[in-house]
Amino acid sequence: MFNTAAFVAPPAGQYGDVRRNSIEGPGTLLFDMAFTKLFPLGEMRMLEFRASASNIFNHQQLTTIDATVNSPTFGR
C-alpha cells in the first residue's frame, strides 16, 4: 500500500500532476513450457507431437493496486 492521503482529485476539467506509472504494483512471474517431437514418415511427410502448458509452477498472479482516486478501494 501507499500513502493515499498524498493524493487528491484534480478540479473538474483538469488533469492531475502525478507522473505516469508512479505507483508500482506487484510484479508477475510466469513460466510456460512446451515440448515438440517430430517423427519422420518417409521422405515427404512428418508427424508432429506438441504439448504446451501455461503457468507450470502454479504461481499466483496478483492484480495491480487501485489507483483511481475516487474509488472506494483506492490504495488497495
Protein backbone atom coordinates (compact mmCIF):
# COMPACT_ATOMS: atom_id res chain seq x y z
CA MET A 1 0.00 0.00 0.00
CA PHE A 2 0.98 3.61 -0.33
CA ASN A 3 0.06 6.87 1.38
CA THR A 4 -3.41 7.62 0.00
CA ALA A 5 -3.52 10.98 1.84
CA ALA A 6 -0.80 12.27 -0.52
CA PHE A 7 -3.26 12.24 -3.45
CA VAL A 8 -6.32 14.41 -4.09
CA ALA A 9 -8.70 14.50 -7.03
CA PRO A 10 -7.92 17.32 -9.52
CA PRO A 11 -10.50 20.05 -10.14
CA ALA A 12 -13.19 19.25 -12.71
CA GLY A 13 -11.96 19.58 -16.29
CA GLN A 14 -8.26 19.40 -15.37
CA TYR A 15 -5.66 16.67 -15.23
CA GLY A 16 -3.62 15.81 -12.15
CA ASP A 17 0.14 16.29 -11.86
CA VAL A 18 1.31 12.81 -10.87
CA ARG A 19 3.64 11.23 -13.41
CA ARG A 20 2.51 8.16 -15.28
CA ASN A 21 3.32 4.76 -13.66
CA SER A 22 4.42 6.39 -10.39
CA ILE A 23 2.58 3.71 -8.38
CA GLU A 24 4.14 0.30 -8.93
CA GLY A 25 2.18 -2.81 -8.21
CA PRO A 26 3.34 -6.38 -7.69
CA GLY A 27 5.39 -7.95 -10.46
CA THR A 28 4.44 -11.01 -12.43
CA LEU A 29 6.32 -14.27 -12.62
CA LEU A 30 5.13 -16.65 -15.29
CA PHE A 31 6.67 -19.89 -16.57
CA ASP A 32 5.36 -21.52 -19.73
CA MET A 33 6.68 -24.75 -21.18
CA ALA A 34 6.33 -26.59 -24.48
CA PHE A 35 7.59 -29.89 -25.83
CA THR A 36 7.74 -30.77 -29.51
CA LYS A 37 8.75 -34.05 -31.16
CA LEU A 38 8.89 -34.62 -34.91
CA PHE A 39 8.52 -38.13 -36.35
CA PRO A 40 9.55 -38.55 -39.99
CA LEU A 41 7.10 -40.62 -42.06
CA GLY A 42 9.05 -41.25 -45.22
CA GLU A 43 10.75 -38.52 -47.22
CA MET A 44 7.83 -36.12 -47.72
CA ARG A 45 5.77 -36.34 -44.52
CA MET A 46 6.26 -35.66 -40.83
CA LEU A 47 4.14 -36.24 -37.78
CA GLU A 48 4.46 -33.59 -35.08
CA PHE A 49 3.59 -34.17 -31.43
CA ARG A 50 3.26 -30.99 -29.38
CA ALA A 51 2.34 -30.37 -25.74
CA SER A 52 2.30 -26.97 -24.05
CA ALA A 53 1.40 -25.69 -20.60
CA SER A 54 0.94 -22.22 -19.11
CA ASN A 55 1.98 -21.22 -15.58
CA ILE A 56 3.52 -24.64 -14.88
CA PHE A 57 4.55 -23.82 -11.29
CA ASN A 58 1.03 -22.52 -10.48
CA HIS A 59 2.37 -19.18 -9.23
CA GLN A 60 -0.40 -16.74 -8.30
CA GLN A 61 -0.71 -13.53 -10.35
CA LEU A 62 -1.77 -10.61 -8.17
CA THR A 63 -3.68 -7.69 -9.61
CA THR A 64 -2.41 -4.13 -9.53
CA ILE A 65 -3.15 -1.51 -6.89
CA ASP A 66 -6.32 0.51 -7.43
CA ALA A 67 -5.03 3.98 -8.37
CA THR A 68 -8.38 5.66 -9.08
CA VAL A 69 -8.68 8.48 -6.53
CA ASN A 70 -12.49 8.43 -6.26
CA SER A 71 -12.71 4.64 -5.90
CA PRO A 72 -13.72 3.15 -2.53
CA THR A 73 -10.82 0.68 -2.83
CA PHE A 74 -8.22 3.38 -3.64
CA GLY A 75 -4.78 2.25 -2.49
CA ARG A 76 -5.66 -1.42 -2.02
